[in-house]
Amino acid sequence: MDALYNAAFLFKKLLDTEYVFVLGKKNVKATIHLIFHDTNFYHLAGLQHLEDIAHLRRNKKEIFEKILNRQIKIEDLQKSRFYKDIERRVAALSLLPSLLDSNETIFKYNKERNSFSLIDADYLLENTSDKQTLYTFLAKYPDNNFFCRSFFPKEKKDYSIGQTRWTLLSKKKINKSANTEEILFLHKNFKG
């Protein structure tokens, strides 16, 4: 199966989903409303790194649709001399929905504590799946909703070093079109 198509297909299902995380740290609460847009897929898959494929410089929404219509395939990406840089990311991206449903580690992200990082994010999710550590960086839109800014498997650098761990108090998953909610996690001490 085409790993790129599979990741895009599963990401498309997230477009109708909102996650609400309630986090706590020393009597301070933070709420994250995580939403998804089709244009987010481009960066999460790392397509911006394939600088030698000109037709990937177009509209991000259009590229996402072409992947879903199988007009852009993994074989097209493999023609890039930079493909090796994103190969593991594309392969792991289909795990994103299940990672978001899990209840692993959340850090308040401070990029100044990682001088090697250029990622401008507010939170870092660190998950383990298939014996690999995966990072998902969340950033805030001006409307106070959050989005997935970046996603990739851990390689040499540990992005969690020096970051402040927060406690997950609750997490729910909302299907927007069906107007239904699923409680994914509720901390035993959490009082909504």
C-alpha atoms as a PDB file:
ATOM      1  CA  MET A   1       0.000   0.000   0.000  1.00  0.00           C
ATOM      2  CA  ASP A   2       1.086   3.565  -0.710  1.00  0.00           C
ATOM      3  CA  ALA A   3       2.185   4.986   2.673  1.00  0.00           C
ATOM      4  CA  LEU A   4       1.511   8.540   1.469  1.00  0.00           C
ATOM      5  CA  TYR A   5      -2.053   7.753   0.395  1.00  0.00           C
ATOM      6  CA  ASN A   6      -2.718   5.799   3.589  1.00  0.00           C
ATOM      7  CA  ALA A   7      -1.523   8.712   5.753  1.00  0.00           C
ATOM      8  CA  ALA A   8      -3.630  11.201   3.766  1.00  0.00           C
ATOM      9  CA  PHE A   9      -6.701   8.948   3.918  1.00  0.00           C
ATOM     10  CA  LEU A  10      -6.451   8.650   7.718  1.00  0.00           C
ATOM     11  CA  PHE A  11      -5.697  12.370   8.080  1.00  0.00           C
ATOM     12  CA  LYS A  12      -8.822  13.211   6.066  1.00  0.00           C
ATOM     13  CA  LYS A  13     -10.892  11.518   8.789  1.00  0.00           C
ATOM     14  CA  LEU A  14      -9.375  13.934  11.311  1.00  0.00           C
ATOM     15  CA  LEU A  15     -10.800  16.918   9.409  1.00  0.00           C
ATOM     16  CA  ASP A  16     -14.173  16.199  11.049  1.00  0.00           C
ATOM     17  CA  THR A  17     -12.603  15.736  14.486  1.00  0.00           C
ATOM     18  CA  GLU A  18     -11.728  18.017  17.369  1.00  0.00           C
ATOM     19  CA  TYR A  19      -9.772  16.925  20.420  1.00  0.00           C
ATOM     20  CA  VAL A  20     -10.121  18.760  23.724  1.00  0.00           C
ATOM     21  CA  PHE A  21      -7.272  18.251  26.176  1.00  0.00           C
ATOM     22  CA  VAL A  22      -7.370  19.642  29.713  1.00  0.00           C
ATOM     23  CA  LEU A  23      -3.889  19.797  31.225  1.00  0.00           C
ATOM     24  CA  GLY A  24      -2.703  20.679  34.689  1.00  0.00           C
ATOM     25  CA  LYS A  25       0.520  21.764  36.355  1.00  0.00           C
ATOM     26  CA  LYS A  26       0.782  23.099  39.924  1.00  0.00           C
ATOM     27  CA  ASN A  27      -2.866  24.207  40.194  1.00  0.00           C
ATOM     28  CA  VAL A  28      -2.812  25.796  36.732  1.00  0.00           C
ATOM     29  CA  LYS A  29      -5.086  24.416  34.018  1.00  0.00           C
ATOM     30  CA  ALA A  30      -4.719  24.739  30.266  1.00  0.00           C
ATOM     31  CA  THR A  31      -7.230  23.674  27.641  1.00  0.00           C
ATOM     32  CA  ILE A  32      -6.267  22.703  24.107  1.00  0.00           C
ATOM     33  CA  HIS A  33      -8.862  22.583  21.337  1.00  0.00           C
ATOM     34  CA  LEU A  34      -7.048  20.693  18.573  1.00  0.00           C
ATOM     35  CA  ILE A  35      -8.524  20.998  15.074  1.00  0.00           C
ATOM     36  CA  PHE A  36      -7.363  19.928  11.624  1.00  0.00           C
ATOM     37  CA  HIS A  37      -7.266  21.485   8.156  1.00  0.00           C
ATOM     38  CA  ASP A  38      -6.393  19.784   4.900  1.00  0.00           C
ATOM     39  CA  THR A  39      -3.523  22.236   4.407  1.00  0.00           C
ATOM     40  CA  ASN A  40      -1.817  20.920   7.603  1.00  0.00           C
ATOM     41  CA  PHE A  41      -1.022  17.588   5.941  1.00  0.00           C
ATOM     42  CA  TYR A  42       1.611  19.106   3.645  1.00  0.00           C
ATOM     43  CA  HIS A  43       3.928  20.095   6.472  1.00  0.00           C
ATOM     44  CA  LEU A  44       3.203  17.069   8.657  1.00  0.00           C
ATOM     45  CA  ALA A  45       4.315  14.807   5.794  1.00  0.00           C
ATOM     46  CA  GLY A  46       7.442  16.937   5.329  1.00  0.00           C
ATOM     47  CA  LEU A  47       6.690  17.729   1.690  1.00  0.00           C
ATOM     48  CA  GLN A  48       8.310  21.166   2.034  1.00  0.00           C
ATOM     49  CA  HIS A  49      11.676  19.377   2.255  1.00  0.00           C
ATOM     50  CA  LEU A  50      11.382  17.961  -1.276  1.00  0.00           C
ATOM     51  CA  GLU A  51      12.769  21.121  -2.843  1.00  0.00           C
ATOM     52  CA  ASP A  52      13.648  19.445  -6.140  1.00  0.00           C
ATOM     53  CA  ILE A  53      10.033  18.537  -7.035  1.00  0.00           C
ATOM     54  CA  ALA A  54       8.574  21.717  -8.505  1.00  0.00           C
ATOM     55  CA  HIS A  55       4.921  20.616  -8.622  1.00  0.00           C
ATOM     56  CA  LEU A  56       4.967  20.199  -4.818  1.00  0.00           C
ATOM     57  CA  ARG A  57       5.379  23.970  -4.478  1.00  0.00           C
ATOM     58  CA  ARG A  58       1.734  24.593  -5.390  1.00  0.00           C
ATOM     59  CA  ASN A  59      -1.374  24.996  -3.292  1.00  0.00           C
ATOM     60  CA  LYS A  60      -1.199  22.740  -0.202  1.00  0.00           C
ATOM     61  CA  LYS A  61      -4.909  21.937  -0.323  1.00  0.00           C
ATOM     62  CA  GLU A  62      -4.618  20.947  -3.987  1.00  0.00           C
ATOM     63  CA  ILE A  63      -1.621  18.715  -3.230  1.00  0.00           C
ATOM     64  CA  PHE A  64      -3.569  16.984  -0.436  1.00  0.00           C
ATOM     65  CA  GLU A  65      -6.474  16.353  -2.825  1.00  0.00           C
ATOM     66  CA  LYS A  66      -4.106  14.997  -5.497  1.00  0.00           C
ATOM     67  CA  ILE A  67      -2.644  12.566  -2.971  1.00  0.00           C
ATOM     68  CA  LEU A  68      -6.149  11.382  -2.061  1.00  0.00           C
ATOM     69  CA  ASN A  69      -6.999  11.019  -5.772  1.00  0.00           C
ATOM     70  CA  ARG A  70      -3.745   9.090  -6.272  1.00  0.00           C
ATOM     71  CA  GLN A  71      -2.442  11.687  -8.716  1.00  0.00           C
ATOM     72  CA  ILE A  72       0.575  12.117  -6.435  1.00  0.00           C
ATOM     73  CA  LYS A  73       1.979   8.839  -5.126  1.00  0.00           C
ATOM     74  CA  ILE A  74       4.820   7.748  -2.905  1.00  0.00           C
ATOM     75  CA  GLU A  75       6.770   6.844  -6.059  1.00  0.00           C
ATOM     76  CA  ASP A  76       6.647  10.514  -7.083  1.00  0.00           C
ATOM     77  CA  LEU A  77       8.210  11.538  -3.765  1.00  0.00           C
ATOM     78  CA  GLN A  78      10.862   8.839  -4.015  1.00  0.00           C
ATOM     79  CA  LYS A  79      12.255  10.581  -7.115  1.00  0.00           C
ATOM     80  CA  SER A  80      13.489  13.401  -4.904  1.00  0.00           C
ATOM     81  CA  ARG A  81      17.080  13.286  -3.705  1.00  0.00           C
ATOM     82  CA  PHE A  82      15.692  14.543  -0.356  1.00  0.00           C
ATOM     83  CA  TYR A  83      13.162  11.735   0.074  1.00  0.00           C
ATOM     84  CA  LYS A  84      15.355   9.851   2.566  1.00  0.00           C
ATOM     85  CA  ASP A  85      14.976  12.875   4.880  1.00  0.00           C
ATOM     86  CA  ILE A  86      11.203  12.364   5.137  1.00  0.00           C
ATOM     87  CA  GLU A  87      10.823   8.630   4.513  1.00  0.00           C
ATOM     88  CA  ARG A  88      10.363   7.675   8.181  1.00  0.00           C
ATOM     89  CA  ARG A  89       8.007  10.622   8.741  1.00  0.00           C
ATOM     90  CA  VAL A  90       5.715   9.630   5.860  1.00  0.00           C
ATOM     91  CA  ALA A  91       5.736   6.000   7.009  1.00  0.00           C
ATOM     92  CA  ALA A  92       4.805   6.989  10.582  1.00  0.00           C
ATOM     93  CA  LEU A  93       2.217   9.656   9.739  1.00  0.00           C
ATOM     94  CA  SER A  94      -0.594   7.110   9.421  1.00  0.00           C
ATOM     95  CA  LEU A  95      -0.133   6.517  13.180  1.00  0.00           C
ATOM     96  CA  LEU A  96      -1.147  10.100  14.036  1.00  0.00           C
ATOM     97  CA  PRO A  97      -4.864   9.374  14.707  1.00  0.00           C
ATOM     98  CA  SER A  98      -4.074   6.526  17.100  1.00  0.00           C
ATOM     99  CA  LEU A  99      -1.368   8.611  18.811  1.00  0.00           C
ATOM    100  CA  LEU A 100      -3.864  11.398  19.405  1.00  0.00           C
ATOM    101  CA  ASP A 101      -6.275   8.892  20.928  1.00  0.00           C
ATOM    102  CA  SER A 102      -3.606   7.692  23.373  1.00  0.00           C
ATOM    103  CA  ASN A 103      -2.698   9.328  26.666  1.00  0.00           C
ATOM    104  CA  GLU A 104       1.038   9.634  26.679  1.00  0.00           C
ATOM    105  CA  THR A 105       3.360  12.491  27.590  1.00  0.00           C
ATOM    106  CA  ILE A 106       2.582  16.189  27.032  1.00  0.00           C
ATOM    107  CA  PHE A 107       5.092  18.992  27.494  1.00  0.00           C
ATOM    108  CA  LYS A 108       4.687  22.740  27.415  1.00  0.00           C
ATOM    109  CA  TYR A 109       7.189  23.478  24.642  1.00  0.00           C
ATOM    110  CA  ASN A 110       9.821  26.181  24.943  1.00  0.00           C
ATOM    111  CA  LYS A 111      12.016  26.286  21.841  1.00  0.00           C
ATOM    112  CA  GLU A 112      14.652  28.382  23.642  1.00  0.00           C
ATOM    113  CA  ARG A 113      15.476  25.287  25.714  1.00  0.00           C
ATOM    114  CA  ASN A 114      16.353  23.443  22.505  1.00  0.00           C
ATOM    115  CA  SER A 115      18.812  25.683  20.704  1.00  0.00           C
ATOM    116  CA  PHE A 116      18.913  23.198  17.818  1.00  0.00           C
ATOM    117  CA  SER A 117      15.166  23.578  17.173  1.00  0.00           C
ATOM    118  CA  LEU A 118      13.496  26.039  14.824  1.00  0.00           C
ATOM    119  CA  ILE A 119      10.022  24.697  15.569  1.00  0.00           C
ATOM    120  CA  ASP A 120       7.667  27.367  16.858  1.00  0.00           C
ATOM    121  CA  ALA A 121       5.171  25.396  18.956  1.00  0.00           C
ATOM    122  CA  ASP A 122       3.274  25.641  22.220  1.00  0.00           C
ATOM    123  CA  TYR A 123       3.076  21.962  23.204  1.00  0.00           C
ATOM    124  CA  LEU A 124       4.943  18.768  22.443  1.00  0.00           C
ATOM    125  CA  LEU A 125       3.298  15.340  22.483  1.00  0.00           C
ATOM    126  CA  GLU A 126       5.712  12.444  22.873  1.00  0.00           C
ATOM    127  CA  ASN A 127       4.369   8.986  22.032  1.00  0.00           C
ATOM    128  CA  THR A 128       5.831   5.555  21.516  1.00  0.00           C
ATOM    129  CA  SER A 129       4.534   3.260  18.804  1.00  0.00           C
ATOM    130  CA  ASP A 130       6.140   0.356  16.983  1.00  0.00           C
ATOM    131  CA  LYS A 131       9.233   0.746  19.189  1.00  0.00           C
ATOM    132  CA  GLN A 132       9.857   4.302  18.033  1.00  0.00           C
ATOM    133  CA  THR A 133       9.364   7.658  19.732  1.00  0.00           C
ATOM    134  CA  LEU A 134       7.205  10.081  17.765  1.00  0.00           C
ATOM    135  CA  TYR A 135       6.931  13.832  18.269  1.00  0.00           C
ATOM    136  CA  THR A 136       3.835  15.903  17.498  1.00  0.00           C
ATOM    137  CA  PHE A 137       4.160  19.667  17.965  1.00  0.00           C
ATOM    138  CA  LEU A 138       1.025  21.725  18.591  1.00  0.00           C
ATOM    139  CA  ALA A 139       0.763  25.448  17.909  1.00  0.00           C
ATOM    140  CA  LYS A 140      -2.012  27.962  18.468  1.00  0.00           C
ATOM    141  CA  TYR A 141      -4.015  29.689  15.751  1.00  0.00           C
ATOM    142  CA  PRO A 142      -5.028  33.331  16.374  1.00  0.00           C
ATOM    143  CA  ASP A 143      -8.560  32.086  17.222  1.00  0.00           C
ATOM    144  CA  ASN A 144      -7.046  30.084  20.156  1.00  0.00           C
ATOM    145  CA  ASN A 145      -7.626  26.695  18.527  1.00  0.00           C
ATOM    146  CA  PHE A 146      -4.551  24.525  18.114  1.00  0.00           C
ATOM    147  CA  PHE A 147      -3.190  22.602  15.127  1.00  0.00           C
ATOM    148  CA  CYS A 148      -0.460  20.041  14.513  1.00  0.00           C
ATOM    149  CA  ARG A 149       2.501  22.119  13.397  1.00  0.00           C
ATOM    150  CA  SER A 150       5.007  19.317  12.939  1.00  0.00           C
ATOM    151  CA  PHE A 151       5.308  15.568  13.262  1.00  0.00           C
ATOM    152  CA  PHE A 152       8.279  13.233  12.964  1.00  0.00           C
ATOM    153  CA  PRO A 153      10.008  10.241  14.534  1.00  0.00           C
ATOM    154  CA  LYS A 154      12.796  10.857  17.022  1.00  0.00           C
ATOM    155  CA  GLU A 155      16.204  10.506  15.488  1.00  0.00           C
ATOM    156  CA  LYS A 156      19.302  11.820  17.254  1.00  0.00           C
ATOM    157  CA  LYS A 157      17.844  14.842  19.032  1.00  0.00           C
ATOM    158  CA  ASP A 158      15.591  14.548  22.067  1.00  0.00           C
ATOM    159  CA  TYR A 159      13.096  17.410  21.877  1.00  0.00           C
ATOM    160  CA  SER A 160      11.690  16.668  25.337  1.00  0.00           C
ATOM    161  CA  ILE A 161      14.915  17.584  27.181  1.00  0.00           C
ATOM    162  CA  GLY A 162      14.389  20.689  29.299  1.00  0.00           C
ATOM    163  CA  GLN A 163      10.654  20.834  28.584  1.00  0.00           C
ATOM    164  CA  THR A 164       8.042  21.053  31.332  1.00  0.00           C
ATOM    165  CA  ARG A 165       5.818  17.997  31.614  1.00  0.00           C
ATOM    166  CA  TRP A 166       2.110  18.647  32.176  1.00  0.00           C
ATOM    167  CA  THR A 167      -0.454  16.194  33.542  1.00  0.00           C
ATOM    168  CA  LEU A 168      -3.281  15.133  31.273  1.00  0.00           C
ATOM    169  CA  LEU A 169      -6.492  15.640  33.266  1.00  0.00           C
ATOM    170  CA  SER A 170      -8.998  14.822  30.552  1.00  0.00           C
ATOM    171  CA  LYS A 171      -9.220  14.245  26.835  1.00  0.00           C
ATOM    172  CA  LYS A 172     -12.266  13.980  24.637  1.00  0.00           C
ATOM    173  CA  LYS A 173     -12.731  13.424  20.928  1.00  0.00           C
ATOM    174  CA  ILE A 174     -15.541  15.253  19.153  1.00  0.00           C
ATOM    175  CA  ASN A 175     -17.027  14.175  15.842  1.00  0.00           C
ATOM    176  CA  LYS A 176     -18.171  17.546  14.515  1.00  0.00           C
ATOM    177  CA  SER A 177     -20.653  16.445  11.845  1.00  0.00           C
ATOM    178  CA  ALA A 178     -22.319  13.838  14.092  1.00  0.00           C
ATOM    179  CA  ASN A 179     -22.089  16.172  17.092  1.00  0.00           C
ATOM    180  CA  THR A 180     -20.909  13.317  19.327  1.00  0.00           C
ATOM    181  CA  GLU A 181     -18.251  13.179  22.031  1.00  0.00           C
ATOM    182  CA  GLU A 182     -16.090  10.315  23.223  1.00  0.00           C
ATOM    183  CA  ILE A 183     -14.207  10.554  26.512  1.00  0.00           C
ATOM    184  CA  LEU A 184     -10.729   9.160  25.855  1.00  0.00           C
ATOM    185  CA  PHE A 185      -9.253   9.852  29.271  1.00  0.00           C
ATOM    186  CA  LEU A 186     -10.369  11.163  32.645  1.00  0.00           C
ATOM    187  CA  HIS A 187      -7.852  11.544  35.456  1.00  0.00           C
ATOM    188  CA  LYS A 188      -9.085  10.095  38.741  1.00  0.00           C
ATOM    189  CA  ASN A 189      -8.617  13.482  40.499  1.00  0.00           C
ATOM    190  CA  PHE A 190     -10.090  15.639  37.752  1.00  0.00           C
ATOM    191  CA  LYS A 191     -13.191  17.617  38.567  1.00  0.00           C
ATOM    192  CA  GLY A 192     -14.369  19.228  35.291  1.00  0.00           C
END
